[in-house]
Amino acid sequence: MIITNLSGDVLLLSHSYGPDVWSLPGGGVDAGEDPEHAARREVYEELGLKLGAVENLGSREELVSGSPLTVYLFASMTDARPVPDGREVLEARFFPSHSLPEPLGRITRERIEVWRRRGL
């Protein structure tokens, strides 16, 4: 999920697990769950954000930790401040889209590029 604030800054997270890189909010889709519902649920559980309108950016096949995975990309905007759950998400900050922090995960970089190219 690519979440921006009213200034167009991109929300990135530092997780308590996995590689020590900045990444996007996300999570798993439960059996029978609609992917948009799953994205909203994960964002609420991990960041306390209730999202309004969500843009569907489509799906793509990715290798995540060496395993093939169908990923559903969504974008949304918020004027609320994220509150990390402290369990999975340790830090959540907005960054200008033209000046993203390093290290930025490869998958995160690719997903942001899909978001940037939308509508072209």
C-alpha atoms as a PDB file:
ATOM      1  CA  MET A   1       0.000   0.000   0.000  1.00  0.00           C
ATOM      2  CA  ILE A   2       1.354   3.402  -0.965  1.00  0.00           C
ATOM      3  CA  ILE A   3      -0.009   5.964   1.476  1.00  0.00           C
ATOM      4  CA  THR A   4       0.658   9.648   1.028  1.00  0.00           C
ATOM      5  CA  ASN A   5      -0.168  12.670   3.136  1.00  0.00           C
ATOM      6  CA  LEU A   6      -1.804  15.839   1.816  1.00  0.00           C
ATOM      7  CA  SER A   7       1.633  17.141   0.722  1.00  0.00           C
ATOM      8  CA  GLY A   8       2.288  14.020  -1.378  1.00  0.00           C
ATOM      9  CA  ASP A   9       4.906  12.591   0.982  1.00  0.00           C
ATOM     10  CA  VAL A  10       5.149   8.775   1.043  1.00  0.00           C
ATOM     11  CA  LEU A  11       4.672   6.755   4.236  1.00  0.00           C
ATOM     12  CA  LEU A  12       7.516   4.313   4.891  1.00  0.00           C
ATOM     13  CA  LEU A  13       7.995   1.894   7.757  1.00  0.00           C
ATOM     14  CA  SER A  14      10.747   0.307   9.758  1.00  0.00           C
ATOM     15  CA  HIS A  15       9.714  -3.242  10.714  1.00  0.00           C
ATOM     16  CA  SER A  16      10.787  -5.327  13.696  1.00  0.00           C
ATOM     17  CA  TYR A  17      11.518  -8.243  11.343  1.00  0.00           C
ATOM     18  CA  GLY A  18      13.190  -8.844   7.987  1.00  0.00           C
ATOM     19  CA  PRO A  19      15.877  -6.751   6.343  1.00  0.00           C
ATOM     20  CA  ASP A  20      16.816  -3.418   7.922  1.00  0.00           C
ATOM     21  CA  VAL A  21      15.312  -1.300   5.119  1.00  0.00           C
ATOM     22  CA  TRP A  22      12.508   1.211   4.769  1.00  0.00           C
ATOM     23  CA  SER A  23       9.413  -0.429   3.321  1.00  0.00           C
ATOM     24  CA  LEU A  24       5.747   0.158   2.553  1.00  0.00           C
ATOM     25  CA  PRO A  25       2.784  -0.876   4.686  1.00  0.00           C
ATOM     26  CA  GLY A  26       1.383  -4.247   3.732  1.00  0.00           C
ATOM     27  CA  GLY A  27       0.496  -7.692   4.885  1.00  0.00           C
ATOM     28  CA  GLY A  28      -1.225 -10.915   4.065  1.00  0.00           C
ATOM     29  CA  VAL A  29      -4.628 -11.624   2.592  1.00  0.00           C
ATOM     30  CA  ASP A  30      -6.647 -14.123   4.597  1.00  0.00           C
ATOM     31  CA  ALA A  31      -8.404 -16.996   2.791  1.00  0.00           C
ATOM     32  CA  GLY A  32     -11.525 -15.629   1.092  1.00  0.00           C
ATOM     33  CA  GLU A  33     -10.664 -12.029   1.996  1.00  0.00           C
ATOM     34  CA  ASP A  34     -10.933  -9.242  -0.565  1.00  0.00           C
ATOM     35  CA  PRO A  35      -7.411  -7.799  -1.206  1.00  0.00           C
ATOM     36  CA  GLU A  36      -8.546  -4.191  -0.650  1.00  0.00           C
ATOM     37  CA  HIS A  37     -10.172  -5.171   2.641  1.00  0.00           C
ATOM     38  CA  ALA A  38      -6.939  -6.925   3.652  1.00  0.00           C
ATOM     39  CA  ALA A  39      -4.897  -3.809   2.835  1.00  0.00           C
ATOM     40  CA  ARG A  40      -7.223  -1.604   4.890  1.00  0.00           C
ATOM     41  CA  ARG A  41      -7.189  -4.107   7.776  1.00  0.00           C
ATOM     42  CA  GLU A  42      -3.389  -4.360   7.839  1.00  0.00           C
ATOM     43  CA  VAL A  43      -2.960  -0.572   7.754  1.00  0.00           C
ATOM     44  CA  TYR A  44      -5.409  -0.191  10.625  1.00  0.00           C
ATOM     45  CA  GLU A  45      -3.864  -3.009  12.706  1.00  0.00           C
ATOM     46  CA  GLU A  46      -0.267  -1.872  12.241  1.00  0.00           C
ATOM     47  CA  LEU A  47      -0.680   1.930  12.046  1.00  0.00           C
ATOM     48  CA  GLY A  48      -4.109   2.807  13.447  1.00  0.00           C
ATOM     49  CA  LEU A  49      -5.103   4.501  10.175  1.00  0.00           C
ATOM     50  CA  LYS A  50      -8.624   4.278   8.753  1.00  0.00           C
ATOM     51  CA  LEU A  51      -8.324   4.982   5.043  1.00  0.00           C
ATOM     52  CA  GLY A  52     -10.845   6.762   2.841  1.00  0.00           C
ATOM     53  CA  ALA A  53     -10.709   6.326  -0.917  1.00  0.00           C
ATOM     54  CA  VAL A  54      -8.323   3.644  -2.158  1.00  0.00           C
ATOM     55  CA  GLU A  55      -6.941   3.459  -5.695  1.00  0.00           C
ATOM     56  CA  ASN A  56      -6.370  -0.035  -7.100  1.00  0.00           C
ATOM     57  CA  LEU A  57      -2.987  -0.092  -8.882  1.00  0.00           C
ATOM     58  CA  GLY A  58      -3.395  -3.707  -9.996  1.00  0.00           C
ATOM     59  CA  SER A  59      -1.574  -6.879  -9.103  1.00  0.00           C
ATOM     60  CA  ARG A  60       1.851  -8.218  -9.959  1.00  0.00           C
ATOM     61  CA  GLU A  61       3.879 -11.345  -9.437  1.00  0.00           C
ATOM     62  CA  GLU A  62       6.967 -10.934  -7.253  1.00  0.00           C
ATOM     63  CA  LEU A  63       9.587 -13.102  -5.618  1.00  0.00           C
ATOM     64  CA  VAL A  64       9.447 -12.384  -1.902  1.00  0.00           C
ATOM     65  CA  SER A  65      12.062 -14.169   0.213  1.00  0.00           C
ATOM     66  CA  GLY A  66      12.598 -16.527  -2.719  1.00  0.00           C
ATOM     67  CA  SER A  67       8.942 -17.512  -3.063  1.00  0.00           C
ATOM     68  CA  PRO A  68       6.529 -16.415  -5.822  1.00  0.00           C
ATOM     69  CA  LEU A  69       3.733 -14.218  -4.539  1.00  0.00           C
ATOM     70  CA  THR A  70       0.813 -12.320  -6.054  1.00  0.00           C
ATOM     71  CA  VAL A  71       0.928  -8.767  -4.722  1.00  0.00           C
ATOM     72  CA  TYR A  72      -2.011  -6.371  -4.862  1.00  0.00           C
ATOM     73  CA  LEU A  73      -0.994  -2.720  -4.983  1.00  0.00           C
ATOM     74  CA  PHE A  74      -3.198   0.056  -3.655  1.00  0.00           C
ATOM     75  CA  ALA A  75      -2.725   3.753  -3.009  1.00  0.00           C
ATOM     76  CA  SER A  76      -4.478   6.057  -0.584  1.00  0.00           C
ATOM     77  CA  MET A  77      -4.087   9.427   1.072  1.00  0.00           C
ATOM     78  CA  THR A  78      -4.464  10.390   4.716  1.00  0.00           C
ATOM     79  CA  ASP A  79      -4.325  13.500   6.838  1.00  0.00           C
ATOM     80  CA  ALA A  80      -3.906  11.408   9.997  1.00  0.00           C
ATOM     81  CA  ARG A  81      -0.682  10.605  11.779  1.00  0.00           C
ATOM     82  CA  PRO A  82       0.286   6.905  11.812  1.00  0.00           C
ATOM     83  CA  VAL A  83       0.802   5.276  15.196  1.00  0.00           C
ATOM     84  CA  PRO A  84       3.101   2.227  14.868  1.00  0.00           C
ATOM     85  CA  ASP A  85       1.853  -0.832  16.736  1.00  0.00           C
ATOM     86  CA  GLY A  86       5.316  -1.333  18.303  1.00  0.00           C
ATOM     87  CA  ARG A  87       5.133  -5.027  17.556  1.00  0.00           C
ATOM     88  CA  GLU A  88       5.520  -5.325  13.774  1.00  0.00           C
ATOM     89  CA  VAL A  89       6.092  -1.663  12.969  1.00  0.00           C
ATOM     90  CA  LEU A  90       8.721   0.205  14.967  1.00  0.00           C
ATOM     91  CA  GLU A  91       8.698   3.495  13.078  1.00  0.00           C
ATOM     92  CA  ALA A  92       6.423   5.112  10.484  1.00  0.00           C
ATOM     93  CA  ARG A  93       7.391   8.373   8.791  1.00  0.00           C
ATOM     94  CA  PHE A  94       6.394  10.390   5.749  1.00  0.00           C
ATOM     95  CA  PHE A  95       9.176  11.242   3.291  1.00  0.00           C
ATOM     96  CA  PRO A  96       9.101  13.547   0.240  1.00  0.00           C
ATOM     97  CA  SER A  97       8.543  11.327  -2.809  1.00  0.00           C
ATOM     98  CA  HIS A  98      11.515  12.965  -4.552  1.00  0.00           C
ATOM     99  CA  SER A  99      13.857  12.266  -1.605  1.00  0.00           C
ATOM    100  CA  LEU A 100      13.231   8.792  -0.203  1.00  0.00           C
ATOM    101  CA  PRO A 101      15.522   7.461   2.533  1.00  0.00           C
ATOM    102  CA  GLU A 102      18.152   4.759   2.250  1.00  0.00           C
ATOM    103  CA  PRO A 103      18.309   1.934   2.612  1.00  0.00           C
ATOM    104  CA  LEU A 104      15.117   1.496   0.642  1.00  0.00           C
ATOM    105  CA  GLY A 105      14.148  -2.092  -0.083  1.00  0.00           C
ATOM    106  CA  ARG A 106      14.311  -3.257  -3.710  1.00  0.00           C
ATOM    107  CA  ILE A 107      10.687  -4.417  -3.691  1.00  0.00           C
ATOM    108  CA  THR A 108       9.595  -1.121  -2.129  1.00  0.00           C
ATOM    109  CA  ARG A 109      11.479   0.813  -4.810  1.00  0.00           C
ATOM    110  CA  GLU A 110       9.773  -1.233  -7.567  1.00  0.00           C
ATOM    111  CA  ARG A 111       6.305  -0.758  -6.068  1.00  0.00           C
ATOM    112  CA  ILE A 112       6.795   2.997  -5.707  1.00  0.00           C
ATOM    113  CA  GLU A 113       7.839   3.120  -9.355  1.00  0.00           C
ATOM    114  CA  VAL A 114       4.536   1.437 -10.331  1.00  0.00           C
ATOM    115  CA  TRP A 115       2.709   4.103  -8.297  1.00  0.00           C
ATOM    116  CA  ARG A 116       4.688   6.908  -9.950  1.00  0.00           C
ATOM    117  CA  ARG A 117       3.929   5.577 -13.463  1.00  0.00           C
ATOM    118  CA  ARG A 118       0.173   5.201 -12.905  1.00  0.00           C
ATOM    119  CA  GLY A 119      -1.957   7.120 -15.312  1.00  0.00           C
ATOM    120  CA  LEU A 120       0.880   7.765 -17.786  1.00  0.00           C
END
